[in-house]
Structure formats: C-alpha cells, structure tokens
Amino acid sequence: SPLADGRVAGDQTDRPMALYRLTEPEDLVEPVVVAAFDGWVDAGSAATEAAKKLAENGRLVVEFDGDQLFDYRSRRPTLEIQDGKPERLTWPALQMRSRRVDERDILVLTGAEPDFKWRRFAADLVEIAKKLHVAQWISLGAIPAAVPHTRPVPILGTLSRPGLLRGDVQPGPDGLLRVPAACISVIDVAISRAGIPAVGYFAQVPHYVSGEYPGAAAELIRAVGRHLEVEPPLGDLAEEARTLRKRLDTAATLDENTRNYVERLEGMVDESRLPLGDDLIADIERFLRDQGRELGGGGRPN
C-alpha cells in the first residue's frame, strides 16, 4: 500500500522512510492547525496543556514515527510493572487530531518536541497542510518572564505578515532578537514560506513559579478562541488556576522577600514598563538566592 512519501511496500529505492501516516478526512470545514510541543517554549506546560484541551476527543488524523524523531535515551518510554511483571510501554508521541469547534475544524498537533530531522519534519508538515487545505497555522508557546502571578497572563505574538494577530495581542519584542530556536519556530518559518498565514501566541509565565501553570494554558485557549471567533471549552483549567493563585498568594504573604519581589513586578506591569536587562538579571539572581521555600510546588523556581 502507498506510504505517506509515495513509496510502496517492497520498494527498494533510496527514498527516505515516511515520517508520518495520514488518515485524510473528507469533511473538514475551514481547517486551522494549532500546534504546541513540550520542551523549550512550554513553560509551566501551558502550551501543551492548552493543546490537549483543544484536541480532547478529537479524531486522529496524522501520527508521526517516533523511532525516527526521538532520542529514547533522553526521552525514555514509561514502563508499567504490575506485580513484578513488565506489562506495557508508553512511548513519546506526536499526533494531529481533528475537532469541530462551533462551525469549523481545528487540527491540533501536539506532543513531544522532536529530537531529530527538524527540517524534514517541517517540510512534511507543509505537505500535510497543503493536502488538508489548511487555511491558517497557529503556534502556541509559553516562556518564563518577569511578570507577577497577581496580574492577567500577558500574551506576546508572532506573525508571518502584518495584521494577522487578533485580540489586541501585539507582536514583540521590538527590534532584532536572537535566541536558540525551538522546533515550533522552524515549522513557523517553513509554513510562512509556503504561503500559509501563520501566527504564534506565547504566554508569559512568572519565572518564579515551578510546576504547571494552568492560568497560562487557559489564556492561550482564549487567545485561540478570539483569533478564530469561536468558544473552545476551558475544562477545569479555570478552577485549577484559582487554586494555584491561592497557594501563591499564601506563599507571598508568608515570605517578605517573595512579597516584595511580587510587588515590584506588579509596579512594573502597572506602569507598562520593563526592567533594564542588567537590573532584571541581578534582581532575579538575588530573589532566587534568597528564596527559601517552594512556590507552586515541584522544586526550585526555573
């Protein structure tokens, strides 16, 4: 039978093995891809958690070959042992699922960020997007930032051309910024060059919070909803965000250094200004050095 790259079983040519298996749906309505991977730009697991909520109960459309994309020594499968007997393995996965929200289809691509073949992976996604007649591409991410947990989660945007962002989200930061790229960014560039409109929504997560940050996941879902003019469900994210907010408020109340630091961040946000780079680095280092308790659970702040 034909494979995703056009080869057939028994073909002995030198063409590369297919990276994906596509189950092409026939009834997609104005499909839009929403993509998020764990790792480099997934602070607080906000982007992948938002993507999981969007993909919930969706139809499997594309499944990628993990043996070609993952280094299992650094991203090991999970082994379940029942009464001393190895029962099952759960492997890192990358899938695209289709879900109808209001009157359109959202194709959610999420899972583990690939370790290998980023350029090949991006080229295959361009191919998939064209086969499925994808109208737009939305990337989700989350980055640690000098923002307080007591204010609404800020969202920064990226865009392939002016005018694509919605909901008062601004592209940023201004000027040239050089950072180590994530796989999601490699895909954004490839999708944009293929002529498919592409945007990114990136939540800013308080850098002093460790563990998951459901408030950012909820805000990313809202950003997708505003962009597409639909109302995707938040599930239990709103309640989880309120519970975490109470824990963080308690921690700030009990520790003077934490309280003073959060108040300083609140002042900068309220004045719509950012700290100078050197001052911010020194302040973060001082805060982390003096920090004597966990915030939000799960170890030291990132």
Protein backbone atom coordinates (compact mmCIF):
# COMPACT_ATOMS: atom_id res chain seq x y z
CA SER A 1 0.00 0.00 0.00
CA PRO A 2 1.23 3.57 -0.62
CA LEU A 3 3.11 5.28 2.19
CA ALA A 4 3.00 8.99 3.07
CA ASP A 5 6.05 9.83 0.93
CA GLY A 6 4.78 7.95 -2.11
CA ARG A 7 6.75 4.69 -1.71
CA VAL A 8 5.02 1.32 -1.81
CA ALA A 9 5.65 -1.80 0.21
CA GLY A 10 8.70 -3.60 -1.15
CA ASP A 11 10.06 -0.50 -2.88
CA GLN A 12 13.86 -0.75 -2.80
CA THR A 13 14.61 2.80 -3.91
CA ASP A 14 16.73 5.14 -1.82
CA ARG A 15 13.82 7.41 -0.96
CA PRO A 16 13.62 8.08 2.80
CA MET A 17 11.20 6.29 5.06
CA ALA A 18 7.93 8.10 5.67
CA LEU A 19 7.78 10.18 8.84
CA TYR A 20 4.00 10.08 9.17
CA ARG A 21 0.82 8.18 8.50
CA LEU A 22 -2.11 10.31 7.29
CA THR A 23 -5.76 9.39 7.61
CA GLU A 24 -7.19 12.07 5.36
CA PRO A 25 -10.64 13.24 6.46
CA GLU A 26 -13.02 14.28 3.70
CA ASP A 27 -15.30 16.68 5.54
CA LEU A 28 -13.02 19.33 7.04
CA VAL A 29 -14.51 22.83 7.29
CA GLU A 30 -12.03 25.76 7.05
CA PRO A 31 -9.33 23.73 8.87
CA VAL A 32 -6.84 25.58 11.06
CA VAL A 33 -3.82 23.95 12.68
CA VAL A 34 -2.97 24.67 16.32
CA ALA A 35 0.48 23.35 17.25
CA ALA A 36 2.35 23.06 20.56
CA PHE A 37 5.28 20.91 21.70
CA ASP A 38 6.77 20.31 25.11
CA GLY A 39 10.27 21.48 25.99
CA TRP A 40 11.94 24.73 25.02
CA VAL A 41 8.93 27.09 24.80
CA ASP A 42 6.44 25.32 27.07
CA ALA A 43 6.98 26.99 30.45
CA GLY A 44 4.54 25.66 33.03
CA SER A 45 3.38 23.10 30.42
CA ALA A 46 0.95 25.84 29.39
CA ALA A 47 1.12 25.40 25.60
CA THR A 48 0.84 21.61 25.56
CA GLU A 49 -1.91 21.63 28.19
CA ALA A 50 -3.89 24.13 26.10
CA ALA A 51 -3.39 21.95 23.01
CA LYS A 52 -4.51 18.81 24.86
CA LYS A 53 -7.73 20.54 25.93
CA LEU A 54 -8.38 21.69 22.36
CA ALA A 55 -7.75 18.17 20.99
CA GLU A 56 -9.85 16.34 23.59
CA ASN A 57 -11.92 13.53 22.00
CA GLY A 58 -10.71 14.54 18.54
CA ARG A 59 -10.27 12.19 15.56
CA LEU A 60 -6.72 11.01 14.85
CA VAL A 61 -5.61 12.49 11.51
CA VAL A 62 -1.81 12.18 11.49
CA GLU A 63 0.58 10.05 13.52
CA PHE A 64 4.35 10.53 13.31
CA ASP A 65 7.03 7.84 13.50
CA GLY A 66 8.67 8.32 16.89
CA ASP A 67 11.52 5.92 16.05
CA GLN A 68 12.77 8.47 13.53
CA LEU A 69 12.12 11.62 15.56
CA PHE A 70 13.03 10.87 19.19
CA ASP A 71 16.17 10.03 21.13
CA TYR A 72 14.82 7.46 23.57
CA ARG A 73 17.86 7.80 25.83
CA SER A 74 16.90 11.37 26.69
CA ARG A 75 13.14 10.87 26.28
CA ARG A 76 12.60 7.38 27.63
CA PRO A 77 9.31 5.49 27.29
CA THR A 78 7.41 4.81 30.52
CA LEU A 79 7.32 1.19 31.67
CA GLU A 80 4.41 -0.08 33.79
CA ILE A 81 5.25 -3.07 36.01
CA GLN A 82 2.30 -4.93 37.50
CA ASP A 83 3.08 -7.33 40.38
CA GLY A 84 6.66 -7.72 39.16
CA LYS A 85 5.68 -8.30 35.51
CA PRO A 86 6.55 -5.70 32.85
CA GLU A 87 3.11 -5.05 31.33
CA ARG A 88 3.20 -2.12 28.92
CA LEU A 89 5.30 0.71 27.48
CA THR A 90 4.05 4.22 26.76
CA TRP A 91 6.17 5.87 24.07
CA PRO A 92 6.61 9.60 23.42
CA ALA A 93 4.20 10.55 20.67
CA LEU A 94 3.40 13.25 18.14
CA GLN A 95 -0.13 13.30 16.75
CA MET A 96 -2.56 15.59 14.96
CA ARG A 97 -6.22 15.32 15.92
CA SER A 98 -9.26 16.98 14.36
CA ARG A 99 -12.00 18.52 16.46
CA ARG A 100 -15.04 20.53 15.36
CA VAL A 101 -15.47 23.73 17.39
CA ASP A 102 -18.59 25.70 16.51
CA GLU A 103 -18.68 25.64 12.69
CA ARG A 104 -15.05 24.93 11.83
CA ASP A 105 -12.39 22.26 12.29
CA ILE A 106 -9.30 22.68 14.43
CA LEU A 107 -6.41 20.32 13.71
CA VAL A 108 -4.34 20.09 16.89
CA LEU A 109 -0.72 18.98 16.53
CA THR A 110 0.90 18.30 19.89
CA GLY A 111 3.22 16.03 21.81
CA ALA A 112 6.94 15.72 22.42
CA GLU A 113 9.29 18.10 20.60
CA PRO A 114 11.30 16.03 18.08
CA ASP A 115 15.00 15.43 18.75
CA PHE A 116 15.87 14.73 15.10
CA LYS A 117 15.03 15.73 11.50
CA TRP A 118 13.54 19.15 12.21
CA ARG A 119 13.84 20.35 8.60
CA ARG A 120 12.36 17.14 7.22
CA PHE A 121 9.59 17.30 9.84
CA ALA A 122 8.78 20.90 8.88
CA ALA A 123 8.71 20.03 5.17
CA ASP A 124 6.33 17.15 5.86
CA LEU A 125 4.03 19.45 7.84
CA VAL A 126 3.92 21.85 4.90
CA GLU A 127 2.97 18.89 2.71
CA ILE A 128 0.25 17.82 5.16
CA ALA A 129 -1.10 21.36 5.44
CA LYS A 130 -1.45 21.60 1.67
CA LYS A 131 -3.11 18.19 1.39
CA LEU A 132 -5.67 19.15 4.03
CA HIS A 133 -6.16 22.68 2.61
CA VAL A 134 -5.19 24.33 5.89
CA ALA A 135 -6.26 27.99 5.93
CA GLN A 136 -4.15 29.18 8.89
CA TRP A 137 -1.44 27.96 11.25
CA ILE A 138 -1.42 28.91 14.94
CA SER A 139 1.58 28.07 17.12
CA LEU A 140 1.30 28.11 20.91
CA GLY A 141 4.12 28.56 23.39
CA ALA A 142 4.93 29.76 26.89
CA ILE A 143 8.06 31.47 28.16
CA PRO A 144 9.31 32.36 31.66
CA ALA A 145 9.16 36.11 32.21
CA ALA A 146 9.41 38.82 34.87
CA VAL A 147 5.65 39.05 35.39
CA PRO A 148 3.62 38.65 38.63
CA HIS A 149 1.08 35.90 39.21
CA THR A 150 -1.34 38.53 40.51
CA ARG A 151 -1.98 40.07 37.09
CA PRO A 152 -3.60 38.66 33.91
CA VAL A 153 -1.27 36.43 31.88
CA PRO A 154 0.40 38.55 29.17
CA ILE A 155 0.46 37.16 25.62
CA LEU A 156 3.10 38.05 23.03
CA GLY A 157 2.55 37.40 19.36
CA THR A 158 4.47 36.49 16.22
CA LEU A 159 3.10 36.75 12.70
CA SER A 160 4.06 35.98 9.11
CA ARG A 161 2.65 39.27 7.85
CA PRO A 162 1.12 42.39 9.43
CA GLY A 163 -2.48 42.34 10.57
CA LEU A 164 -2.88 38.64 11.40
CA LEU A 165 -2.93 38.84 15.21
CA ARG A 166 -6.27 39.22 17.00
CA GLY A 167 -7.49 40.27 20.42
CA ASP A 168 -5.16 43.24 20.99
CA VAL A 169 -2.11 40.93 21.08
CA GLN A 170 0.98 42.78 19.91
CA PRO A 171 3.97 41.28 18.10
CA GLY A 172 7.14 41.55 20.07
CA PRO A 173 9.56 42.36 21.26
CA ASP A 174 10.61 45.32 19.09
CA GLY A 175 13.88 45.14 17.20
CA LEU A 176 16.13 42.17 16.45
CA LEU A 177 16.16 39.29 18.93
CA ARG A 178 18.46 36.28 18.59
CA VAL A 179 17.54 33.22 20.66
CA PRO A 180 18.05 29.45 20.38
CA ALA A 181 15.23 28.23 18.14
CA ALA A 182 12.57 25.71 19.08
CA CYS A 183 11.18 23.19 16.62
CA ILE A 184 7.90 25.14 16.58
CA SER A 185 9.80 28.14 15.20
CA VAL A 186 11.41 26.08 12.42
CA ILE A 187 7.91 24.98 11.41
CA ASP A 188 6.57 28.56 11.55
CA VAL A 189 9.23 29.69 9.09
CA ALA A 190 8.56 26.78 6.72
CA ILE A 191 4.78 27.27 6.85
CA SER A 192 5.12 31.01 6.23
CA ARG A 193 7.42 30.48 3.25
CA ALA A 194 4.84 28.08 1.82
CA GLY A 195 2.34 30.95 1.75
CA ILE A 196 0.12 29.77 4.62
CA PRO A 197 -0.75 32.58 7.08
CA ALA A 198 0.94 31.81 10.41
CA VAL A 199 0.74 33.38 13.86
CA GLY A 200 2.09 32.49 17.27
CA TYR A 201 0.65 33.20 20.71
CA PHE A 202 3.14 32.95 23.59
CA ALA A 203 2.07 33.20 27.21
CA GLN A 204 4.42 34.82 29.71
CA VAL A 205 4.68 32.68 32.84
CA PRO A 206 6.07 34.07 36.14
CA HIS A 207 9.64 32.78 36.22
CA TYR A 208 9.49 32.18 39.97
CA VAL A 209 6.70 29.59 39.66
CA SER A 210 7.68 25.95 39.26
CA GLY A 211 5.41 23.21 38.00
CA GLU A 212 2.33 23.59 35.83
CA TYR A 213 0.70 27.00 35.34
CA PRO A 214 -2.94 26.41 34.32
CA GLY A 215 -3.76 30.13 34.14
CA ALA A 216 -1.44 30.48 31.14
CA ALA A 217 -2.95 27.41 29.46
CA ALA A 218 -6.42 28.90 29.87
CA GLU A 219 -5.29 32.24 28.44
CA LEU A 220 -3.77 30.53 25.40
CA ILE A 221 -7.08 28.77 24.73
CA ARG A 222 -8.84 32.12 25.00
CA ALA A 223 -6.34 33.59 22.53
CA VAL A 224 -7.14 30.81 20.05
CA GLY A 225 -10.85 31.42 20.60
CA ARG A 226 -10.52 35.15 19.94
CA HIS A 227 -8.40 34.51 16.86
CA LEU A 228 -10.89 32.09 15.32
CA GLU A 229 -14.01 33.74 16.75
CA VAL A 230 -15.08 30.51 18.44
CA GLU A 231 -15.55 29.49 22.08
CA PRO A 232 -13.39 26.46 22.84
CA PRO A 233 -14.06 24.90 26.27
CA LEU A 234 -11.59 25.51 29.12
CA GLY A 235 -12.46 22.35 31.04
CA ASP A 236 -11.14 22.50 34.60
CA LEU A 237 -8.30 24.93 33.84
CA ALA A 238 -10.06 27.96 35.34
CA GLU A 239 -10.59 26.21 38.69
CA GLU A 240 -7.02 24.90 38.70
CA ALA A 241 -5.76 28.44 38.07
CA ARG A 242 -7.76 29.78 41.03
CA THR A 243 -6.39 27.06 43.32
CA LEU A 244 -2.79 27.80 42.31
CA ARG A 245 -3.36 31.55 42.73
CA LYS A 246 -4.42 30.98 46.34
CA ARG A 247 -1.28 28.93 47.05
CA LEU A 248 0.97 31.57 45.52
CA ASP A 249 -0.78 34.36 47.42
CA THR A 250 -0.24 32.45 50.66
CA ALA A 251 3.45 31.92 49.88
CA ALA A 252 3.90 35.62 49.14
CA THR A 253 2.14 36.56 52.39
CA LEU A 254 4.37 34.30 54.47
CA ASP A 255 7.71 35.36 52.98
CA GLU A 256 8.77 39.02 52.94
CA ASN A 257 11.31 38.61 50.12
CA THR A 258 8.71 36.97 47.91
CA ARG A 259 6.11 39.61 48.75
CA ASN A 260 8.49 42.49 47.98
CA TYR A 261 9.56 40.90 44.70
CA VAL A 262 5.99 40.32 43.54
CA GLU A 263 5.09 43.91 44.46
CA ARG A 264 8.00 45.20 42.39
CA LEU A 265 6.81 43.19 39.38
CA GLU A 266 3.26 44.47 39.91
CA GLY A 267 4.55 48.04 39.83
CA MET A 268 6.38 47.49 36.55
CA VAL A 269 3.33 45.89 34.95
CA ASP A 270 1.00 48.63 36.19
CA GLU A 271 3.35 51.26 34.76
CA SER A 272 3.60 49.32 31.49
CA ARG A 273 7.35 49.20 31.61
CA LEU A 274 10.02 46.51 31.60
CA PRO A 275 13.15 46.46 33.78
CA LEU A 276 16.57 47.07 32.30
CA GLY A 277 18.36 43.85 31.40
CA ASP A 278 21.19 44.14 33.92
CA ASP A 279 18.85 45.20 36.72
CA LEU A 280 16.47 42.34 35.95
CA ILE A 281 19.23 39.72 35.93
CA ALA A 282 20.62 40.98 39.23
CA ASP A 283 17.16 41.11 40.76
CA ILE A 284 16.28 37.57 39.64
CA GLU A 285 19.59 36.21 40.94
CA ARG A 286 19.04 37.92 44.28
CA PHE A 287 15.48 36.64 44.50
CA LEU A 288 16.46 33.04 43.72
CA ARG A 289 19.40 33.19 46.16
CA ASP A 290 17.18 34.42 48.98
CA GLN A 291 14.24 32.18 48.13
CA GLY A 292 13.91 29.61 50.89
CA ARG A 293 10.63 27.92 50.04
CA GLU A 294 8.90 26.36 47.08
CA LEU A 295 6.36 28.32 45.07
CA GLY A 296 3.62 26.42 43.30
CA GLY A 297 5.10 23.02 44.14
CA GLY A 298 7.58 20.86 42.33
CA GLY A 299 11.04 22.11 43.29
CA ARG A 300 13.06 25.25 42.78
CA PRO A 301 11.86 28.06 40.53
CA ASN A 302 13.09 27.94 36.95
